[in-house]
Structures are given as structure tokens and as C-alpha cells.
Amino acid sequence: MAARPDPALASALALFAQEDWYACHDALEVLWQESLEPRRRPLQALVQIAVAMVHWQQGNRRGTTLLWGEAVARLARCREELDGVDLGYLHEQGRHWLRFLQDPPGGAAPPPPRCKAD
């Protein structure tokens, strides 16, 4: 049975689901700064995803690509889940975003990332 997220993480994940990327980044960054491994790495990846999406909203394709690249690399070294969040699913979404971002512009962007619970 998957663990339930702590209240602060649940609030950050609600912001993630609402695509309120800037507020999500702020909430996740506090959690990341206060955490130790093994939680620290996946929290940092979530921060990077939120920042990548802020860059995307601002039209900064290069910044989006860099942050998604860092998040995907970090998620590749994470456990399967974080408080019930399926990190493998996020990793796969990130790989789709990177393929899109690294191709010549013109195609439709993937859907915004989602945190799927196990």
C-alpha cells in the first residue's frame, strides 16, 4: 500500500495538478531544502519540473529544455515512488517532453505533466 503524502507535499501536489507552476515551485522548494535523502532527490526533480513549466509558460524553450533534462536525469536515479507519487510515470512524461523540445519546433507540445499516484 502506498504511503500518503504529508500535508505540505499534498498541498504542493495540488498546485501541481492545478498547473500553478510558480506557486508549486515555491511550495516544493521549501520541502526540498528541508529534506534529506532519499526524499531530497525526487523533491528536487519535482521542483525542476515546476520551474521547467514556468519557463514554458514564459516562452523560454531553452530554459524548459534544460530543466526537463535535469529533472529526467534525477528521476532516473529515484525510487519508484515518493509518498504515493509514481516517479516512473513522471520520468516517462519528462522523456516525452525532452523529445518534443529537442526536435525542431512545429509539433504540438505534450500535455502538462501529471503526478499519478500508485
PDB file of N, CA and C in Angstrom:
ATOM      1  N   MET A   1       0.847  -1.182   0.000  1.00  0.00           N
ATOM      2  CA  MET A   1       0.000   0.000   0.000  1.00  0.00           C
ATOM      3  C   MET A   1       0.888   1.239   0.000  1.00  0.00           C
ATOM      4  N   ALA A   2       0.592   2.186  -0.861  1.00  0.00           N
ATOM      5  CA  ALA A   2       1.406   3.395  -0.988  1.00  0.00           C
ATOM      6  C   ALA A   2       1.174   4.312   0.203  1.00  0.00           C
ATOM      7  N   ALA A   3       2.233   4.978   0.605  1.00  0.00           N
ATOM      8  CA  ALA A   3       2.149   5.928   1.715  1.00  0.00           C
ATOM      9  C   ALA A   3       1.380   7.167   1.272  1.00  0.00           C
ATOM     10  N   ARG A   4       0.758   7.816   2.232  1.00  0.00           N
ATOM     11  CA  ARG A   4       0.052   9.073   1.961  1.00  0.00           C
ATOM     12  C   ARG A   4       1.040  10.216   2.070  1.00  0.00           C
ATOM     13  N   PRO A   5       0.920  11.211   1.191  1.00  0.00           N
ATOM     14  CA  PRO A   5       1.833  12.354   1.283  1.00  0.00           C
ATOM     15  C   PRO A   5       1.593  13.149   2.562  1.00  0.00           C
ATOM     16  N   ASP A   6       2.645  13.782   3.043  1.00  0.00           N
ATOM     17  CA  ASP A   6       2.468  14.660   4.196  1.00  0.00           C
ATOM     18  C   ASP A   6       1.651  15.871   3.733  1.00  0.00           C
ATOM     19  N   PRO A   7       1.058  16.628   4.665  1.00  0.00           N
ATOM     20  CA  PRO A   7       0.171  17.737   4.270  1.00  0.00           C
ATOM     21  C   PRO A   7       0.860  18.785   3.384  1.00  0.00           C
ATOM     22  N   ALA A   8       2.101  19.118   3.668  1.00  0.00           N
ATOM     23  CA  ALA A   8       2.802  20.121   2.855  1.00  0.00           C
ATOM     24  C   ALA A   8       3.025  19.604   1.432  1.00  0.00           C
ATOM     25  N   LEU A   9       3.382  18.339   1.308  1.00  0.00           N
ATOM     26  CA  LEU A   9       3.562  17.763  -0.025  1.00  0.00           C
ATOM     27  C   LEU A   9       2.218  17.653  -0.734  1.00  0.00           C
ATOM     28  N   ALA A  10       1.177  17.278  -0.010  1.00  0.00           N
ATOM     29  CA  ALA A  10      -0.155  17.193  -0.615  1.00  0.00           C
ATOM     30  C   ALA A  10      -0.574  18.561  -1.163  1.00  0.00           C
ATOM     31  N   SER A  11      -0.292  19.625  -0.433  1.00  0.00           N
ATOM     32  CA  SER A  11      -0.620  20.983  -0.908  1.00  0.00           C
ATOM     33  C   SER A  11       0.169  21.327  -2.162  1.00  0.00           C
ATOM     34  N   ALA A  12       1.451  20.988  -2.174  1.00  0.00           N
ATOM     35  CA  ALA A  12       2.288  21.251  -3.350  1.00  0.00           C
ATOM     36  C   ALA A  12       1.799  20.451  -4.548  1.00  0.00           C
ATOM     37  N   LEU A  13       1.405  19.203  -4.312  1.00  0.00           N
ATOM     38  CA  LEU A  13       0.917  18.367  -5.404  1.00  0.00           C
ATOM     39  C   LEU A  13      -0.430  18.871  -5.937  1.00  0.00           C
ATOM     40  N   ALA A  14      -1.238  19.476  -5.069  1.00  0.00           N
ATOM     41  CA  ALA A  14      -2.492  20.085  -5.535  1.00  0.00           C
ATOM     42  C   ALA A  14      -2.189  21.249  -6.472  1.00  0.00           C
ATOM     43  N   LEU A  15      -1.183  22.044  -6.141  1.00  0.00           N
ATOM     44  CA  LEU A  15      -0.764  23.142  -7.017  1.00  0.00           C
ATOM     45  C   LEU A  15      -0.240  22.591  -8.345  1.00  0.00           C
ATOM     46  N   PHE A  16       0.490  21.478  -8.286  1.00  0.00           N
ATOM     47  CA  PHE A  16       0.996  20.801  -9.481  1.00  0.00           C
ATOM     48  C   PHE A  16      -0.185  20.409 -10.370  1.00  0.00           C
ATOM     49  N   ALA A  17      -1.203  19.789  -9.770  1.00  0.00           N
ATOM     50  CA  ALA A  17      -2.383  19.345 -10.516  1.00  0.00           C
ATOM     51  C   ALA A  17      -3.149  20.514 -11.119  1.00  0.00           C
ATOM     52  N   GLN A  18      -3.126  21.670 -10.454  1.00  0.00           N
ATOM     53  CA  GLN A  18      -3.808  22.872 -10.941  1.00  0.00           C
ATOM     54  C   GLN A  18      -2.973  23.630 -11.973  1.00  0.00           C
ATOM     55  N   GLU A  19      -1.756  23.147 -12.213  1.00  0.00           N
ATOM     56  CA  GLU A  19      -0.815  23.796 -13.132  1.00  0.00           C
ATOM     57  C   GLU A  19      -0.461  25.204 -12.674  1.00  0.00           C
ATOM     58  N   ASP A  20      -0.446  25.402 -11.375  1.00  0.00           N
ATOM     59  CA  ASP A  20       0.003  26.669 -10.790  1.00  0.00           C
ATOM     60  C   ASP A  20       1.498  26.486 -10.517  1.00  0.00           C
ATOM     61  N   TRP A  21       2.258  26.514 -11.592  1.00  0.00           N
ATOM     62  CA  TRP A  21       3.658  26.091 -11.557  1.00  0.00           C
ATOM     63  C   TRP A  21       4.531  26.957 -10.656  1.00  0.00           C
ATOM     64  N   TYR A  22       4.301  28.248 -10.648  1.00  0.00           N
ATOM     65  CA  TYR A  22       5.148  29.119  -9.837  1.00  0.00           C
ATOM     66  C   TYR A  22       4.912  28.859  -8.343  1.00  0.00           C
ATOM     67  N   ALA A  23       3.666  28.815  -7.942  1.00  0.00           N
ATOM     68  CA  ALA A  23       3.349  28.540  -6.533  1.00  0.00           C
ATOM     69  C   ALA A  23       3.784  27.125  -6.153  1.00  0.00           C
ATOM     70  N   CYS A  24       3.620  26.198  -7.075  1.00  0.00           N
ATOM     71  CA  CYS A  24       4.062  24.817  -6.835  1.00  0.00           C
ATOM     72  C   CYS A  24       5.565  24.782  -6.591  1.00  0.00           C
ATOM     73  N   HIS A  25       6.312  25.495  -7.442  1.00  0.00           N
ATOM     74  CA  HIS A  25       7.762  25.570  -7.268  1.00  0.00           C
ATOM     75  C   HIS A  25       8.112  26.077  -5.877  1.00  0.00           C
ATOM     76  N   ASP A  26       7.468  27.162  -5.450  1.00  0.00           N
ATOM     77  CA  ASP A  26       7.755  27.730  -4.130  1.00  0.00           C
ATOM     78  C   ASP A  26       7.489  26.718  -3.015  1.00  0.00           C
ATOM     79  N   ALA A  27       6.357  26.036  -3.089  1.00  0.00           N
ATOM     80  CA  ALA A  27       5.989  25.063  -2.058  1.00  0.00           C
ATOM     81  C   ALA A  27       6.948  23.871  -2.043  1.00  0.00           C
ATOM     82  N   LEU A  28       7.289  23.378  -3.219  1.00  0.00           N
ATOM     83  CA  LEU A  28       8.196  22.229  -3.301  1.00  0.00           C
ATOM     84  C   LEU A  28       9.614  22.588  -2.883  1.00  0.00           C
ATOM     85  N   GLU A  29      10.044  23.795  -3.202  1.00  0.00           N
ATOM     86  CA  GLU A  29      11.409  24.194  -2.865  1.00  0.00           C
ATOM     87  C   GLU A  29      11.626  24.205  -1.353  1.00  0.00           C
ATOM     88  N   VAL A  30      10.629  24.654  -0.612  1.00  0.00           N
ATOM     89  CA  VAL A  30      10.726  24.637   0.860  1.00  0.00           C
ATOM     90  C   VAL A  30      10.886  23.198   1.347  1.00  0.00           C
ATOM     91  N   LEU A  31      10.076  22.291   0.818  1.00  0.00           N
ATOM     92  CA  LEU A  31      10.175  20.878   1.206  1.00  0.00           C
ATOM     93  C   LEU A  31      11.534  20.296   0.841  1.00  0.00           C
ATOM     94  N   TRP A  32      11.999  20.612  -0.369  1.00  0.00           N
ATOM     95  CA  TRP A  32      13.287  20.100  -0.833  1.00  0.00           C
ATOM     96  C   TRP A  32      14.424  20.585   0.063  1.00  0.00           C
ATOM     97  N   GLN A  33      14.426  21.866   0.388  1.00  0.00           N
ATOM     98  CA  GLN A  33      15.500  22.422   1.206  1.00  0.00           C
ATOM     99  C   GLN A  33      15.545  21.806   2.608  1.00  0.00           C
ATOM    100  N   GLU A  34      14.402  21.394   3.112  1.00  0.00           N
ATOM    101  CA  GLU A  34      14.327  20.829   4.465  1.00  0.00           C
ATOM    102  C   GLU A  34      14.497  19.319   4.488  1.00  0.00           C
ATOM    103  N   SER A  35      14.611  18.686   3.333  1.00  0.00           N
ATOM    104  CA  SER A  35      14.611  17.223   3.286  1.00  0.00           C
ATOM    105  C   SER A  35      16.012  16.634   3.214  1.00  0.00           C
ATOM    106  N   LEU A  36      16.076  15.361   3.534  1.00  0.00           N
ATOM    107  CA  LEU A  36      17.281  14.548   3.411  1.00  0.00           C
ATOM    108  C   LEU A  36      16.977  13.422   2.433  1.00  0.00           C
ATOM    109  N   GLU A  37      18.030  12.771   1.945  1.00  0.00           N
ATOM    110  CA  GLU A  37      17.800  11.608   1.085  1.00  0.00           C
ATOM    111  C   GLU A  37      17.118  10.526   1.932  1.00  0.00           C
ATOM    112  N   PRO A  38      16.265   9.721   1.364  1.00  0.00           N
ATOM    113  CA  PRO A  38      16.024   9.548  -0.060  1.00  0.00           C
ATOM    114  C   PRO A  38      14.942  10.475  -0.635  1.00  0.00           C
ATOM    115  N   ARG A  39      14.342  11.340   0.170  1.00  0.00           N
ATOM    116  CA  ARG A  39      13.284  12.235  -0.324  1.00  0.00           C
ATOM    117  C   ARG A  39      13.833  13.429  -1.104  1.00  0.00           C
ATOM    118  N   ARG A  40      15.031  13.829  -0.809  1.00  0.00           N
ATOM    119  CA  ARG A  40      15.579  15.059  -1.376  1.00  0.00           C
ATOM    120  C   ARG A  40      15.656  15.026  -2.909  1.00  0.00           C
ATOM    121  N   ARG A  41      16.161  13.954  -3.474  1.00  0.00           N
ATOM    122  CA  ARG A  41      16.351  13.864  -4.927  1.00  0.00           C
ATOM    123  C   ARG A  41      15.018  13.942  -5.688  1.00  0.00           C
ATOM    124  N   PRO A  42      13.998  13.150  -5.333  1.00  0.00           N
ATOM    125  CA  PRO A  42      12.745  13.274  -6.083  1.00  0.00           C
ATOM    126  C   PRO A  42      12.054  14.623  -5.870  1.00  0.00           C
ATOM    127  N   LEU A  43      12.196  15.204  -4.686  1.00  0.00           N
ATOM    128  CA  LEU A  43      11.630  16.533  -4.469  1.00  0.00           C
ATOM    129  C   LEU A  43      12.318  17.559  -5.355  1.00  0.00           C
ATOM    130  N   GLN A  44      13.624  17.453  -5.502  1.00  0.00           N
ATOM    131  CA  GLN A  44      14.336  18.373  -6.384  1.00  0.00           C
ATOM    132  C   GLN A  44      13.877  18.192  -7.830  1.00  0.00           C
ATOM    133  N   ALA A  45      13.634  16.973  -8.242  1.00  0.00           N
ATOM    134  CA  ALA A  45      13.129  16.730  -9.596  1.00  0.00           C
ATOM    135  C   ALA A  45      11.762  17.384  -9.785  1.00  0.00           C
ATOM    136  N   LEU A  46      10.904  17.299  -8.778  1.00  0.00           N
ATOM    137  CA  LEU A  46       9.592  17.948  -8.870  1.00  0.00           C
ATOM    138  C   LEU A  46       9.739  19.461  -8.956  1.00  0.00           C
ATOM    139  N   VAL A  47      10.672  20.027  -8.187  1.00  0.00           N
ATOM    140  CA  VAL A  47      10.954  21.467  -8.270  1.00  0.00           C
ATOM    141  C   VAL A  47      11.376  21.809  -9.701  1.00  0.00           C
ATOM    142  N   GLN A  48      12.260  21.017 -10.268  1.00  0.00           N
ATOM    143  CA  GLN A  48      12.759  21.286 -11.616  1.00  0.00           C
ATOM    144  C   GLN A  48      11.654  21.186 -12.669  1.00  0.00           C
ATOM    145  N   ILE A  49      10.729  20.261 -12.485  1.00  0.00           N
ATOM    146  CA  ILE A  49       9.605  20.151 -13.416  1.00  0.00           C
ATOM    147  C   ILE A  49       8.744  21.407 -13.334  1.00  0.00           C
ATOM    148  N   ALA A  50       8.450  21.846 -12.114  1.00  0.00           N
ATOM    149  CA  ALA A  50       7.634  23.055 -11.953  1.00  0.00           C
ATOM    150  C   ALA A  50       8.320  24.265 -12.586  1.00  0.00           C
ATOM    151  N   VAL A  51       9.624  24.400 -12.393  1.00  0.00           N
ATOM    152  CA  VAL A  51      10.354  25.523 -12.987  1.00  0.00           C
ATOM    153  C   VAL A  51      10.384  25.387 -14.511  1.00  0.00           C
ATOM    154  N   ALA A  52      10.544  24.170 -14.997  1.00  0.00           N
ATOM    155  CA  ALA A  52      10.513  23.956 -16.450  1.00  0.00           C
ATOM    156  C   ALA A  52       9.191  24.448 -17.026  1.00  0.00           C
ATOM    157  N   MET A  53       8.109  24.174 -16.327  1.00  0.00           N
ATOM    158  CA  MET A  53       6.802  24.584 -16.828  1.00  0.00           C
ATOM    159  C   MET A  53       6.589  26.093 -16.715  1.00  0.00           C
ATOM    160  N   VAL A  54       7.211  26.731 -15.718  1.00  0.00           N
ATOM    161  CA  VAL A  54       7.197  28.198 -15.657  1.00  0.00           C
ATOM    162  C   VAL A  54       7.908  28.747 -16.891  1.00  0.00           C
ATOM    163  N   HIS A  55       9.072  28.191 -17.201  1.00  0.00           N
ATOM    164  CA  HIS A  55       9.808  28.616 -18.407  1.00  0.00           C
ATOM    165  C   HIS A  55       8.949  28.416 -19.656  1.00  0.00           C
ATOM    166  N   TRP A  56       8.250  27.290 -19.739  1.00  0.00           N
ATOM    167  CA  TRP A  56       7.412  27.008 -20.896  1.00  0.00           C
ATOM    168  C   TRP A  56       6.316  28.065 -21.027  1.00  0.00           C
ATOM    169  N   GLN A  57       5.675  28.395 -19.907  1.00  0.00           N
ATOM    170  CA  GLN A  57       4.624  29.421 -19.932  1.00  0.00           C
ATOM    171  C   GLN A  57       5.172  30.772 -20.382  1.00  0.00           C
ATOM    172  N   GLN A  58       6.431  31.033 -20.091  1.00  0.00           N
ATOM    173  CA  GLN A  58       7.049  32.311 -20.447  1.00  0.00           C
ATOM    174  C   GLN A  58       7.665  32.294 -21.844  1.00  0.00           C
ATOM    175  N   GLY A  59       7.542  31.167 -22.543  1.00  0.00           N
ATOM    176  CA  GLY A  59       8.073  31.067 -23.893  1.00  0.00           C
ATOM    177  C   GLY A  59       9.564  30.815 -23.963  1.00  0.00           C
ATOM    178  N   ASN A  60      10.159  30.363 -22.892  1.00  0.00           N
ATOM    179  CA  ASN A  60      11.597  30.106 -22.829  1.00  0.00           C
ATOM    180  C   ASN A  60      11.855  28.621 -23.095  1.00  0.00           C
ATOM    181  N   ARG A  61      11.943  28.257 -24.358  1.00  0.00           N
ATOM    182  CA  ARG A  61      12.142  26.859 -24.748  1.00  0.00           C
ATOM    183  C   ARG A  61      13.476  26.310 -24.239  1.00  0.00           C
ATOM    184  N   ARG A  62      14.518  27.113 -24.306  1.00  0.00           N
ATOM    185  CA  ARG A  62      15.840  26.656 -23.847  1.00  0.00           C
ATOM    186  C   ARG A  62      15.814  26.346 -22.350  1.00  0.00           C
ATOM    187  N   GLY A  63      15.251  27.249 -21.556  1.00  0.00           N
ATOM    188  CA  GLY A  63      15.149  27.018 -20.113  1.00  0.00           C
ATOM    189  C   GLY A  63      14.299  25.793 -19.800  1.00  0.00           C
ATOM    190  N   THR A  64      13.212  25.627 -20.561  1.00  0.00           N
ATOM    191  CA  THR A  64      12.354  24.462 -20.383  1.00  0.00           C
ATOM    192  C   THR A  64      13.144  23.189 -20.644  1.00  0.00           C
ATOM    193  N   THR A  65      13.899  23.190 -21.725  1.00  0.00           N
ATOM    194  CA  THR A  65      14.684  22.010 -22.104  1.00  0.00           C
ATOM    195  C   THR A  65      15.724  21.681 -21.039  1.00  0.00           C
ATOM    196  N   LEU A  66      16.442  22.693 -20.573  1.00  0.00           N
ATOM    197  CA  LEU A  66      17.480  22.450 -19.558  1.00  0.00           C
ATOM    198  C   LEU A  66      16.890  21.874 -18.272  1.00  0.00           C
ATOM    199  N   LEU A  67      15.789  22.447 -17.806  1.00  0.00           N
ATOM    200  CA  LEU A  67      15.196  21.982 -16.548  1.00  0.00           C
ATOM    201  C   LEU A  67      14.573  20.604 -16.692  1.00  0.00           C
ATOM    202  N   TRP A  68      13.912  20.336 -17.815  1.00  0.00           N
ATOM    203  CA  TRP A  68      13.376  18.991 -18.032  1.00  0.00           C
ATOM    204  C   TRP A  68      14.523  17.976 -18.108  1.00  0.00           C
ATOM    205  N   GLY A  69      15.626  18.351 -18.755  1.00  0.00           N
ATOM    206  CA  GLY A  69      16.774  17.446 -18.829  1.00  0.00           C
ATOM    207  C   GLY A  69      17.307  17.098 -17.459  1.00  0.00           C
ATOM    208  N   GLU A  70      17.431  18.097 -16.594  1.00  0.00           N
ATOM    209  CA  GLU A  70      17.906  17.845 -15.229  1.00  0.00           C
ATOM    210  C   GLU A  70      16.916  16.991 -14.451  1.00  0.00           C
ATOM    211  N   ALA A  71      15.627  17.272 -14.591  1.00  0.00           N
ATOM    212  CA  ALA A  71      14.610  16.501 -13.871  1.00  0.00           C
ATOM    213  C   ALA A  71      14.594  15.046 -14.327  1.00  0.00           C
ATOM    214  N   VAL A  72      14.675  14.827 -15.634  1.00  0.00           N
ATOM    215  CA  VAL A  72      14.663  13.458 -16.159  1.00  0.00           C
ATOM    216  C   VAL A  72      15.882  12.685 -15.652  1.00  0.00           C
ATOM    217  N   ALA A  73      17.048  13.306 -15.674  1.00  0.00           N
ATOM    218  CA  ALA A  73      18.260  12.639 -15.175  1.00  0.00           C
ATOM    219  C   ALA A  73      18.128  12.312 -13.694  1.00  0.00           C
ATOM    220  N   ARG A  74      17.570  13.217 -12.938  1.00  0.00           N
ATOM    221  CA  ARG A  74      17.407  12.998 -11.500  1.00  0.00           C
ATOM    222  C   ARG A  74      16.368  11.899 -11.242  1.00  0.00           C
ATOM    223  N   LEU A  75      15.256  11.926 -11.972  1.00  0.00           N
ATOM    224  CA  LEU A  75      14.220  10.906 -11.788  1.00  0.00           C
ATOM    225  C   LEU A  75      14.711   9.512 -12.174  1.00  0.00           C
ATOM    226  N   ALA A  76      15.656   9.433 -13.095  1.00  0.00           N
ATOM    227  CA  ALA A  76      16.201   8.132 -13.491  1.00  0.00           C
ATOM    228  C   ALA A  76      16.924   7.452 -12.332  1.00  0.00           C
ATOM    229  N   ARG A  77      17.324   8.237 -11.336  1.00  0.00           N
ATOM    230  CA  ARG A  77      18.050   7.685 -10.188  1.00  0.00           C
ATOM    231  C   ARG A  77      17.191   7.620  -8.923  1.00  0.00           C
ATOM    232  N   CYS A  78      15.891   7.790  -9.065  1.00  0.00           N
ATOM    233  CA  CYS A  78      14.987   7.799  -7.909  1.00  0.00           C
ATOM    234  C   CYS A  78      14.308   6.445  -7.736  1.00  0.00           C
ATOM    235  N   ARG A  79      13.778   6.271  -6.545  1.00  0.00           N
ATOM    236  CA  ARG A  79      12.965   5.091  -6.273  1.00  0.00           C
ATOM    237  C   ARG A  79      11.682   5.166  -7.085  1.00  0.00           C
ATOM    238  N   GLU A  80      10.901   4.123  -6.995  1.00  0.00           N
ATOM    239  CA  GLU A  80       9.667   4.008  -7.777  1.00  0.00           C
ATOM    240  C   GLU A  80       8.612   5.043  -7.403  1.00  0.00           C
ATOM    241  N   GLU A  81       8.571   5.466  -6.131  1.00  0.00           N
ATOM    242  CA  GLU A  81       7.530   6.382  -5.713  1.00  0.00           C
ATOM    243  C   GLU A  81       8.002   7.280  -4.572  1.00  0.00           C
ATOM    244  N   LEU A  82       7.285   8.361  -4.409  1.00  0.00           N
ATOM    245  CA  LEU A  82       7.512   9.305  -3.309  1.00  0.00           C
ATOM    246  C   LEU A  82       6.152   9.587  -2.695  1.00  0.00           C
ATOM    247  N   ASP A  83       5.922   9.060  -1.520  1.00  0.00           N
ATOM    248  CA  ASP A  83       4.633   9.263  -0.833  1.00  0.00           C
ATOM    249  C   ASP A  83       3.456   8.981  -1.754  1.00  0.00           C
ATOM    250  N   GLY A  84       3.553   7.924  -2.527  1.00  0.00           N
ATOM    251  CA  GLY A  84       2.467   7.529  -3.405  1.00  0.00           C
ATOM    252  C   GLY A  84       2.527   8.097  -4.803  1.00  0.00           C
ATOM    253  N   VAL A  85       3.419   9.046  -5.082  1.00  0.00           N
ATOM    254  CA  VAL A  85       3.553   9.621  -6.421  1.00  0.00           C
ATOM    255  C   VAL A  85       4.428   8.687  -7.256  1.00  0.00           C
ATOM    256  N   ASP A  86       3.932   8.290  -8.393  1.00  0.00           N
ATOM    257  CA  ASP A  86       4.640   7.377  -9.295  1.00  0.00           C
ATOM    258  C   ASP A  86       5.742   8.143 -10.039  1.00  0.00           C
ATOM    259  N   LEU A  87       6.974   8.006  -9.569  1.00  0.00           N
ATOM    260  CA  LEU A  87       8.098   8.734 -10.164  1.00  0.00           C
ATOM    261  C   LEU A  87       8.459   8.203 -11.540  1.00  0.00           C
ATOM    262  N   GLY A  88       8.238   6.922 -11.766  1.00  0.00           N
ATOM    263  CA  GLY A  88       8.486   6.349 -13.094  1.00  0.00           C
ATOM    264  C   GLY A  88       7.572   6.969 -14.149  1.00  0.00           C
ATOM    265  N   TYR A  89       6.340   7.227 -13.773  1.00  0.00           N
ATOM    266  CA  TYR A  89       5.385   7.873 -14.680  1.00  0.00           C
ATOM    267  C   TYR A  89       5.850   9.289 -15.004  1.00  0.00           C
ATOM    268  N   LEU A  90       6.311  10.034 -13.985  1.00  0.00           N
ATOM    269  CA  LEU A  90       6.842  11.381 -14.223  1.00  0.00           C
ATOM    270  C   LEU A  90       8.069  11.334 -15.121  1.00  0.00           C
ATOM    271  N   HIS A  91       8.932  10.348 -14.891  1.00  0.00           N
ATOM    272  CA  HIS A  91      10.132  10.191 -15.712  1.00  0.00           C
ATOM    273  C   HIS A  91       9.748   9.989 -17.179  1.00  0.00           C
ATOM    274  N   GLU A  92       8.757   9.149 -17.418  1.00  0.00           N
ATOM    275  CA  GLU A  92       8.324   8.896 -18.793  1.00  0.00           C
ATOM    276  C   GLU A  92       7.741  10.162 -19.427  1.00  0.00           C
ATOM    277  N   GLN A  93       6.959  10.936 -18.672  1.00  0.00           N
ATOM    278  CA  GLN A  93       6.427  12.197 -19.190  1.00  0.00           C
ATOM    279  C   GLN A  93       7.569  13.146 -19.543  1.00  0.00           C
ATOM    280  N   GLY A  94       8.581  13.187 -18.691  1.00  0.00           N
ATOM    281  CA  GLY A  94       9.735  14.040 -18.952  1.00  0.00           C
ATOM    282  C   GLY A  94      10.467  13.647 -20.216  1.00  0.00           C
ATOM    283  N   ARG A  95      10.575  12.357 -20.454  1.00  0.00           N
ATOM    284  CA  ARG A  95      11.236  11.888 -21.673  1.00  0.00           C
ATOM    285  C   ARG A  95      10.446  12.334 -22.909  1.00  0.00           C
ATOM    286  N   HIS A  96       9.109  12.304 -22.819  1.00  0.00           N
ATOM    287  CA  HIS A  96       8.275  12.800 -23.938  1.00  0.00           C
ATOM    288  C   HIS A  96       8.504  14.293 -24.153  1.00  0.00           C
ATOM    289  N   TRP A  97       8.543  15.049 -23.047  1.00  0.00           N
ATOM    290  CA  TRP A  97       8.798  16.493 -23.173  1.00  0.00           C
ATOM    291  C   TRP A  97      10.158  16.753 -23.815  1.00  0.00           C
ATOM    292  N   LEU A  98      11.176  16.018 -23.374  1.00  0.00           N
ATOM    293  CA  LEU A  98      12.511  16.236 -23.944  1.00  0.00           C
ATOM    294  C   LEU A  98      12.548  15.927 -25.437  1.00  0.00           C
ATOM    295  N   ARG A  99      11.903  14.841 -25.847  1.00  0.00           N
ATOM    296  CA  ARG A  99      11.869  14.521 -27.285  1.00  0.00           C
ATOM    297  C   ARG A  99      11.213  15.663 -28.052  1.00  0.00           C
ATOM    298  N   PHE A 100      10.103  16.178 -27.536  1.00  0.00           N
ATOM    299  CA  PHE A 100       9.423  17.290 -28.175  1.00  0.00           C
ATOM    300  C   PHE A 100      10.322  18.522 -28.239  1.00  0.00           C
ATOM    301  N   LEU A 101      10.959  18.851 -27.126  1.00  0.00           N
ATOM    302  CA  LEU A 101      11.764  20.070 -27.040  1.00  0.00           C
ATOM    303  C   LEU A 101      13.029  20.002 -27.880  1.00  0.00           C
ATOM    304  N   GLN A 102      13.570  18.810 -28.060  1.00  0.00           N
ATOM    305  CA  GLN A 102      14.813  18.662 -28.798  1.00  0.00           C
ATOM    306  C   GLN A 102      14.590  18.525 -30.300  1.00  0.00           C
ATOM    307  N   ASP A 103      13.339  18.315 -30.717  1.00  0.00           N
ATOM    308  CA  ASP A 103      13.018  18.291 -32.138  1.00  0.00           C
ATOM    309  C   ASP A 103      12.837  19.722 -32.622  1.00  0.00           C
ATOM    310  N   PRO A 104      12.937  19.925 -33.937  1.00  0.00           N
ATOM    311  CA  PRO A 104      12.676  21.274 -34.448  1.00  0.00           C
ATOM    312  C   PRO A 104      11.264  21.716 -34.069  1.00  0.00           C
ATOM    313  N   PRO A 105      11.096  22.989 -33.743  1.00  0.00           N
ATOM    314  CA  PRO A 105       9.772  23.483 -33.367  1.00  0.00           C
ATOM    315  C   PRO A 105       8.741  23.227 -34.466  1.00  0.00           C
ATOM    316  N   GLY A 106       7.505  23.089 -34.054  1.00  0.00           N
ATOM    317  CA  GLY A 106       6.442  22.922 -35.031  1.00  0.00           C
ATOM    318  C   GLY A 106       5.385  21.935 -34.587  1.00  0.00           C
ATOM    319  N   GLY A 107       5.755  20.929 -33.821  1.00  0.00           N
ATOM    320  CA  GLY A 107       4.774  19.956 -33.354  1.00  0.00           C
ATOM    321  C   GLY A 107       4.030  20.465 -32.133  1.00  0.00           C
ATOM    322  N   ALA A 108       2.991  19.765 -31.795  1.00  0.00           N
ATOM    323  CA  ALA A 108       2.203  20.115 -30.605  1.00  0.00           C
ATOM    324  C   ALA A 108       2.938  19.656 -29.349  1.00  0.00           C
ATOM    325  N   ALA A 109       2.890  20.485 -28.338  1.00  0.00           N
ATOM    326  CA  ALA A 109       3.524  20.164 -27.057  1.00  0.00           C
ATOM    327  C   ALA A 109       2.792  19.008 -26.384  1.00  0.00           C
ATOM    328  N   PRO A 110       3.506  18.187 -25.637  1.00  0.00           N
ATOM    329  CA  PRO A 110       2.840  17.153 -24.849  1.00  0.00           C
ATOM    330  C   PRO A 110       1.906  17.801 -23.832  1.00  0.00           C
ATOM    331  N   PRO A 111       1.000  17.025 -23.269  1.00  0.00           N
ATOM    332  CA  PRO A 111       0.154  17.586 -22.227  1.00  0.00           C
ATOM    333  C   PRO A 111       1.005  17.965 -21.007  1.00  0.00           C
ATOM    334  N   PRO A 112       0.494  18.874 -20.181  1.00  0.00           N
ATOM    335  CA  PRO A 112       1.233  19.218 -18.959  1.00  0.00           C
ATOM    336  C   PRO A 112       1.465  17.953 -18.118  1.00  0.00           C
ATOM    337  N   PRO A 113       2.566  17.916 -17.390  1.00  0.00           N
ATOM    338  CA  PRO A 113       2.852  16.728 -16.582  1.00  0.00           C
ATOM    339  C   PRO A 113       1.808  16.545 -15.495  1.00  0.00           C
ATOM    340  N   ARG A 114       1.617  15.301 -15.118  1.00  0.00           N
ATOM    341  CA  ARG A 114       0.689  14.918 -14.056  1.00  0.00           C
ATOM    342  C   ARG A 114       1.412  14.037 -13.052  1.00  0.00           C
ATOM    343  N   CYS A 115       1.037  14.150 -11.813  1.00  0.00           N
ATOM    344  CA  CYS A 115       1.551  13.269 -10.755  1.00  0.00           C
ATOM    345  C   CYS A 115       0.530  12.166 -10.549  1.00  0.00           C
ATOM    346  N   LYS A 116       0.814  11.027 -11.105  1.00  0.00           N
ATOM    347  CA  LYS A 116      -0.068   9.866 -10.965  1.00  0.00           C
ATOM    348  C   LYS A 116       0.307   9.149  -9.680  1.00  0.00           C
ATOM    349  N   ALA A 117      -0.673   8.847  -8.866  1.00  0.00           N
ATOM    350  CA  ALA A 117      -0.429   8.098  -7.627  1.00  0.00           C
ATOM    351  C   ALA A 117      -0.427   6.607  -7.933  1.00  0.00           C
ATOM    352  N   ASP A 118       0.425   5.874  -7.214  1.00  0.00           N
ATOM    353  CA  ASP A 118       0.469   4.408  -7.372  1.00  0.00           C
ATOM    354  C   ASP A 118      -0.843   3.792  -6.956  1.00  0.00           C
TER     355      ASP A 118
END
